[in-house]
N, C-alpha and C. Protein backbone atom coordinates (compact mmCIF):
# COMPACT_ATOMS: atom_id res chain seq x y z
N GLN A 1 -69.30 34.45 14.58
CA GLN A 1 -69.89 35.17 13.46
C GLN A 1 -67.35 35.57 12.90
N VAL A 2 -67.41 34.84 11.92
CA VAL A 2 -65.64 35.06 11.79
C VAL A 2 -65.73 35.24 10.08
N GLN A 3 -65.28 36.90 10.70
CA GLN A 3 -64.64 38.16 9.34
C GLN A 3 -63.32 37.97 8.96
N LEU A 4 -63.72 36.84 6.91
CA LEU A 4 -62.29 37.29 6.54
C LEU A 4 -61.98 38.02 4.93
N VAL A 5 -61.48 38.65 5.68
CA VAL A 5 -60.62 39.82 4.05
C VAL A 5 -59.29 39.00 3.09
N GLU A 6 -59.13 39.13 2.48
CA GLU A 6 -58.44 38.08 1.55
C GLU A 6 -58.16 39.38 1.17
N SER A 7 -56.33 39.70 0.40
CA SER A 7 -55.48 40.19 -0.38
C SER A 7 -54.88 39.70 -1.31
N GLY A 8 -54.36 40.73 -1.93
CA GLY A 8 -53.29 39.77 -3.05
C GLY A 8 -53.24 39.25 -4.50
N GLY A 9 -54.94 39.11 -4.57
CA GLY A 9 -55.16 39.52 -6.37
C GLY A 9 -53.89 40.12 -7.17
N GLY A 10 -55.15 39.83 -7.84
CA GLY A 10 -53.77 40.68 -9.87
C GLY A 10 -53.36 40.37 -11.05
N LEU A 11 -53.52 41.16 -11.57
CA LEU A 11 -53.17 40.13 -13.90
C LEU A 11 -51.73 40.54 -12.81
N VAL A 12 -50.83 38.77 -13.64
CA VAL A 12 -49.58 38.26 -13.83
C VAL A 12 -49.40 37.90 -15.15
N GLN A 13 -48.70 37.32 -15.57
CA GLN A 13 -47.79 36.91 -16.65
C GLN A 13 -47.94 35.44 -16.46
N ALA A 14 -48.22 34.47 -17.38
CA ALA A 14 -47.73 32.83 -17.50
C ALA A 14 -46.95 32.65 -16.46
N GLY A 15 -46.20 32.62 -15.69
CA GLY A 15 -44.73 31.83 -15.72
C GLY A 15 -44.39 32.83 -13.79
N GLY A 16 -45.85 33.33 -13.78
CA GLY A 16 -44.65 34.43 -12.36
C GLY A 16 -45.68 33.71 -11.53
N SER A 17 -46.08 34.61 -10.91
CA SER A 17 -45.69 34.48 -8.91
C SER A 17 -47.03 35.28 -8.00
N LEU A 18 -47.79 34.73 -7.57
CA LEU A 18 -48.20 35.88 -6.79
C LEU A 18 -48.68 35.28 -4.84
N ARG A 19 -49.03 35.95 -4.32
CA ARG A 19 -49.09 35.15 -2.58
C ARG A 19 -50.64 35.83 -1.89
N LEU A 20 -51.39 35.42 -2.46
CA LEU A 20 -52.97 35.87 -0.90
C LEU A 20 -52.58 35.04 0.08
N SER A 21 -53.13 36.45 0.55
CA SER A 21 -53.62 36.77 1.59
C SER A 21 -55.71 36.49 2.72
N CYS A 22 -55.35 36.00 3.23
CA CYS A 22 -56.44 35.82 4.12
C CYS A 22 -56.10 35.68 5.41
N ALA A 23 -57.10 36.81 6.33
CA ALA A 23 -57.10 37.90 7.30
C ALA A 23 -58.48 37.54 8.23
N ALA A 24 -58.59 36.95 9.24
CA ALA A 24 -59.77 36.26 10.12
C ALA A 24 -60.07 37.48 11.14
N SER A 25 -60.65 37.50 11.20
CA SER A 25 -61.30 38.15 13.24
C SER A 25 -61.55 36.50 14.20
N GLY A 26 -61.40 37.06 15.23
CA GLY A 26 -62.00 36.80 16.21
C GLY A 26 -60.49 35.24 16.85
N SER A 27 -60.72 35.16 17.72
CA SER A 27 -59.53 34.77 18.27
C SER A 27 -58.93 33.22 19.12
N ALA A 28 -60.22 32.16 18.02
CA ALA A 28 -60.38 30.96 18.27
C ALA A 28 -59.62 30.40 16.68
N PHE A 29 -58.63 31.22 15.95
CA PHE A 29 -58.24 30.56 14.58
C PHE A 29 -57.15 29.97 14.65
N SER A 30 -56.87 29.41 15.32
CA SER A 30 -55.57 28.45 15.57
C SER A 30 -56.71 26.75 16.10
N ILE A 31 -57.35 26.72 15.57
CA ILE A 31 -58.71 25.85 15.67
C ILE A 31 -59.19 25.60 14.27
N TYR A 32 -59.18 26.51 13.31
CA TYR A 32 -59.58 26.35 12.67
C TYR A 32 -59.11 26.46 11.87
N ALA A 33 -59.56 25.04 10.75
CA ALA A 33 -59.96 24.66 9.13
C ALA A 33 -59.76 25.90 8.69
N LEU A 34 -59.32 25.78 7.78
CA LEU A 34 -58.46 26.68 6.00
C LEU A 34 -58.16 26.50 4.90
N GLY A 35 -59.10 27.15 4.30
CA GLY A 35 -59.04 26.41 2.84
C GLY A 35 -58.83 27.86 1.43
N TRP A 36 -58.93 27.07 0.31
CA TRP A 36 -58.74 28.69 -0.52
C TRP A 36 -59.23 27.36 -1.76
N PHE A 37 -60.18 28.57 -2.00
CA PHE A 37 -61.65 27.11 -3.16
C PHE A 37 -61.48 28.81 -4.32
N ARG A 38 -61.91 28.32 -6.14
CA ARG A 38 -61.49 29.49 -7.06
C ARG A 38 -62.67 29.24 -7.57
N GLN A 39 -62.73 30.18 -8.54
CA GLN A 39 -63.88 29.70 -8.92
C GLN A 39 -63.33 30.72 -10.44
N ALA A 40 -63.79 30.03 -11.76
CA ALA A 40 -63.53 30.88 -12.69
C ALA A 40 -64.91 30.74 -13.65
N PRO A 41 -64.85 31.68 -14.85
CA PRO A 41 -66.21 32.31 -15.24
C PRO A 41 -66.88 30.46 -15.86
N GLY A 42 -68.33 30.20 -15.71
CA GLY A 42 -68.66 29.42 -15.76
C GLY A 42 -68.35 28.33 -15.63
N GLU A 43 -67.86 28.32 -14.95
CA GLU A 43 -67.00 27.47 -14.10
C GLU A 43 -67.62 27.16 -12.45
N GLN A 44 -67.54 25.04 -12.00
CA GLN A 44 -68.10 26.02 -10.18
C GLN A 44 -67.31 24.96 -10.18
N ARG A 45 -67.56 26.16 -8.64
CA ARG A 45 -66.64 26.16 -7.25
C ARG A 45 -65.67 25.41 -6.75
N GLU A 46 -64.00 25.00 -7.40
CA GLU A 46 -63.14 24.18 -7.23
C GLU A 46 -61.58 23.81 -6.40
N LEU A 47 -62.08 23.27 -4.94
CA LEU A 47 -61.30 23.19 -3.59
C LEU A 47 -59.92 22.87 -4.49
N VAL A 48 -59.22 24.14 -3.85
CA VAL A 48 -57.83 24.46 -4.32
C VAL A 48 -56.77 24.10 -3.30
N ALA A 49 -56.96 24.20 -2.27
CA ALA A 49 -56.17 23.72 -1.21
C ALA A 49 -56.76 23.42 0.29
N THR A 50 -56.11 23.05 1.64
CA THR A 50 -57.11 23.13 2.11
C THR A 50 -55.28 22.81 4.12
N VAL A 51 -55.36 22.85 5.03
CA VAL A 51 -54.67 22.78 6.33
C VAL A 51 -55.49 22.95 7.39
N THR A 52 -55.54 22.09 7.89
CA THR A 52 -55.63 21.73 9.43
C THR A 52 -55.27 22.47 10.70
N SER A 53 -56.07 22.21 11.11
CA SER A 53 -55.53 23.66 12.87
C SER A 53 -54.33 22.99 13.83
N GLY A 54 -53.04 21.91 12.47
CA GLY A 54 -52.56 20.53 13.66
C GLY A 54 -51.65 21.55 12.06
N GLY A 55 -51.58 22.16 10.72
CA GLY A 55 -50.45 21.99 9.97
C GLY A 55 -50.93 21.10 8.43
N ILE A 56 -51.47 20.36 8.52
CA ILE A 56 -51.76 19.07 7.41
C ILE A 56 -51.75 20.87 6.35
N THR A 57 -51.17 19.39 5.24
CA THR A 57 -51.70 20.56 4.37
C THR A 57 -52.10 19.00 3.14
N ALA A 58 -52.68 19.68 2.32
CA ALA A 58 -53.94 19.29 0.33
C ALA A 58 -53.80 19.64 -0.68
N TYR A 59 -54.09 18.97 -1.17
CA TYR A 59 -54.14 19.93 -2.40
C TYR A 59 -54.96 19.34 -3.77
N THR A 60 -55.74 20.26 -4.59
CA THR A 60 -55.57 19.22 -5.70
C THR A 60 -54.46 18.89 -7.16
N ASP A 61 -54.91 18.64 -7.75
CA ASP A 61 -54.05 17.34 -8.34
C ASP A 61 -52.59 18.80 -9.39
N SER A 62 -54.39 19.33 -10.09
CA SER A 62 -53.35 20.81 -10.42
C SER A 62 -52.88 22.09 -10.56
N VAL A 63 -52.66 21.59 -9.04
CA VAL A 63 -52.13 23.10 -8.37
C VAL A 63 -50.97 22.65 -7.32
N LYS A 64 -50.81 21.55 -7.60
CA LYS A 64 -49.33 20.01 -6.44
C LYS A 64 -48.04 20.17 -6.85
N GLY A 65 -47.44 21.39 -5.82
CA GLY A 65 -46.06 21.19 -7.47
C GLY A 65 -45.60 22.17 -7.01
N ARG A 66 -46.92 23.70 -7.00
CA ARG A 66 -47.03 24.92 -7.95
C ARG A 66 -47.51 25.46 -6.38
N PHE A 67 -48.39 25.75 -5.98
CA PHE A 67 -48.61 27.06 -5.01
C PHE A 67 -48.37 25.55 -3.08
N THR A 68 -48.77 26.60 -2.57
CA THR A 68 -48.45 26.30 -1.34
C THR A 68 -49.14 27.21 -0.58
N ILE A 69 -50.01 25.94 0.76
CA ILE A 69 -50.59 27.03 1.80
C ILE A 69 -50.07 27.15 2.95
N SER A 70 -50.46 28.22 3.55
CA SER A 70 -49.76 28.48 4.57
C SER A 70 -50.82 29.11 5.67
N ARG A 71 -49.84 29.08 6.18
CA ARG A 71 -50.81 30.02 8.58
C ARG A 71 -50.42 29.93 8.99
N ASP A 72 -50.93 31.42 10.03
CA ASP A 72 -49.65 32.24 10.44
C ASP A 72 -50.35 32.65 11.52
N ASN A 73 -51.01 31.50 13.16
CA ASN A 73 -51.71 31.66 14.07
C ASN A 73 -51.33 32.87 14.56
N ALA A 74 -50.13 33.58 15.20
CA ALA A 74 -49.64 35.18 15.24
C ALA A 74 -50.66 35.93 14.48
N LYS A 75 -51.52 35.89 13.55
CA LYS A 75 -51.08 37.01 12.31
C LYS A 75 -52.64 37.12 12.30
N ASN A 76 -53.81 35.64 12.36
CA ASN A 76 -54.43 35.28 12.21
C ASN A 76 -54.65 34.71 10.59
N THR A 77 -54.24 34.19 9.59
CA THR A 77 -53.57 34.38 8.49
C THR A 77 -53.17 33.76 8.03
N VAL A 78 -54.45 33.20 6.95
CA VAL A 78 -53.45 32.03 5.33
C VAL A 78 -52.94 33.11 4.76
N TYR A 79 -52.65 32.50 4.30
CA TYR A 79 -51.77 32.48 2.59
C TYR A 79 -51.61 31.68 1.80
N LEU A 80 -51.18 31.76 0.10
CA LEU A 80 -51.65 30.82 -0.65
C LEU A 80 -50.86 31.39 -1.33
N GLN A 81 -49.10 30.60 -1.51
CA GLN A 81 -48.02 31.22 -2.33
C GLN A 81 -48.26 30.82 -4.00
N MET A 82 -48.70 31.27 -4.45
CA MET A 82 -48.94 30.57 -6.17
C MET A 82 -47.41 30.71 -6.99
N ASN A 83 -46.36 29.72 -7.08
CA ASN A 83 -45.94 29.99 -8.53
C ASN A 83 -45.80 29.05 -9.46
N SER A 84 -45.41 29.83 -10.17
CA SER A 84 -45.11 29.39 -11.88
C SER A 84 -46.53 28.94 -12.57
N LEU A 85 -47.28 30.43 -11.96
CA LEU A 85 -48.98 30.51 -12.80
C LEU A 85 -48.87 30.21 -14.59
N LYS A 86 -50.06 30.27 -14.41
CA LYS A 86 -51.03 29.23 -16.08
C LYS A 86 -52.04 30.03 -16.53
N PRO A 87 -52.46 30.52 -17.28
CA PRO A 87 -53.48 30.67 -17.50
C PRO A 87 -54.74 30.44 -17.45
N GLU A 88 -54.36 29.20 -16.91
CA GLU A 88 -55.88 28.12 -15.93
C GLU A 88 -56.38 28.07 -14.85
N ASP A 89 -54.78 28.49 -14.54
CA ASP A 89 -55.07 29.17 -12.87
C ASP A 89 -56.28 30.63 -12.97
N THR A 90 -56.49 31.37 -13.69
CA THR A 90 -57.18 32.76 -14.19
C THR A 90 -58.37 32.60 -12.82
N ALA A 91 -59.62 32.69 -11.85
CA ALA A 91 -60.57 32.73 -11.13
C ALA A 91 -60.33 33.48 -11.13
N VAL A 92 -62.20 33.61 -9.72
CA VAL A 92 -61.43 34.37 -8.79
C VAL A 92 -61.04 33.03 -7.10
N TYR A 93 -60.35 33.70 -6.30
CA TYR A 93 -60.18 32.71 -5.51
C TYR A 93 -60.72 33.20 -3.93
N TYR A 94 -61.19 32.55 -3.73
CA TYR A 94 -61.79 32.82 -2.11
C TYR A 94 -61.29 31.65 -0.33
N CYS A 95 -61.27 32.20 -0.27
CA CYS A 95 -60.34 32.10 1.68
C CYS A 95 -62.03 31.40 2.31
N TYR A 96 -61.72 30.07 3.14
CA TYR A 96 -62.65 29.29 3.92
C TYR A 96 -61.72 29.34 4.90
N ALA A 97 -62.81 30.09 5.94
CA ALA A 97 -62.46 28.70 7.21
C ALA A 97 -63.67 27.95 8.51
N LYS A 98 -63.65 26.73 9.01
CA LYS A 98 -64.06 26.72 9.22
C LYS A 98 -64.28 26.54 11.32
N PRO A 99 -64.20 27.48 11.79
CA PRO A 99 -64.42 26.75 13.07
C PRO A 99 -64.44 25.44 13.90
N SER A 100 -65.90 24.60 12.30
CA SER A 100 -66.32 23.15 14.03
C SER A 100 -67.38 23.02 12.26
N VAL A 101 -67.50 22.11 11.79
CA VAL A 101 -68.41 20.53 11.09
C VAL A 101 -69.72 21.24 10.89
N SER A 102 -69.79 22.36 12.00
CA SER A 102 -71.23 22.80 10.77
C SER A 102 -71.13 24.36 10.55
N GLU A 103 -70.31 24.43 11.08
CA GLU A 103 -70.19 26.40 10.85
C GLU A 103 -69.50 26.67 10.18
N VAL A 104 -68.95 27.32 8.22
CA VAL A 104 -68.27 28.04 7.40
C VAL A 104 -68.77 29.31 6.58
N TYR A 105 -67.26 30.39 7.03
CA TYR A 105 -67.43 31.12 6.60
C TYR A 105 -65.92 31.11 5.43
N TRP A 106 -67.05 32.22 4.60
CA TRP A 106 -65.82 33.01 3.29
C TRP A 106 -65.33 34.29 2.64
N GLY A 107 -63.49 34.82 2.67
CA GLY A 107 -64.29 35.86 3.20
C GLY A 107 -64.61 36.09 1.22
N GLN A 108 -64.64 36.91 1.30
CA GLN A 108 -65.36 38.03 -0.89
C GLN A 108 -64.23 37.88 -1.89
N GLY A 109 -63.18 37.16 -1.56
CA GLY A 109 -63.44 36.83 -2.88
C GLY A 109 -61.50 37.52 -3.83
N THR A 110 -60.67 37.39 -4.66
CA THR A 110 -60.15 38.24 -5.01
C THR A 110 -59.76 37.52 -6.49
N GLN A 111 -59.40 38.87 -7.04
CA GLN A 111 -59.35 37.62 -8.92
C GLN A 111 -58.05 38.47 -8.75
N VAL A 112 -57.18 37.12 -8.96
CA VAL A 112 -56.25 36.55 -10.34
C VAL A 112 -56.39 36.06 -11.28
N THR A 113 -55.61 36.74 -12.73
CA THR A 113 -55.68 36.57 -14.36
C THR A 113 -54.28 36.70 -14.26
N VAL A 114 -54.15 35.27 -15.09
CA VAL A 114 -52.26 34.58 -15.60
C VAL A 114 -52.72 35.45 -17.64
N SER A 115 -52.22 35.88 -17.46
CA SER A 115 -52.04 36.71 -18.40
C SER A 115 -50.58 35.27 -19.70
N SER A 116 -51.38 34.85 -20.79
CA SER A 116 -50.50 33.72 -21.51
C SER A 116 -49.66 34.77 -22.23
């Protein structure tokens, strides 16, 4: 069982920045695939960014060049640095961890609101 605790959400003006953090339990963090999803009201959950155990990253097109995902294996934490935020980035952001292809664990979600 992996527990994930997110922090860093909040209210920011358009053009501003936020950094989300997701701290995970477990001693095998370095092998987890990690990522962030988001879900806006009335919308489906959308994959935002991923990072593999080897540090390879990927992003959905709408955040490329603005968001950066990173991991600190020594702190069991994955981050999402969000710059140049837009009102359409407003959503609840969820981190996840995949220790294996058959397991996935989710954080509780953190609200990000971008005002215009």
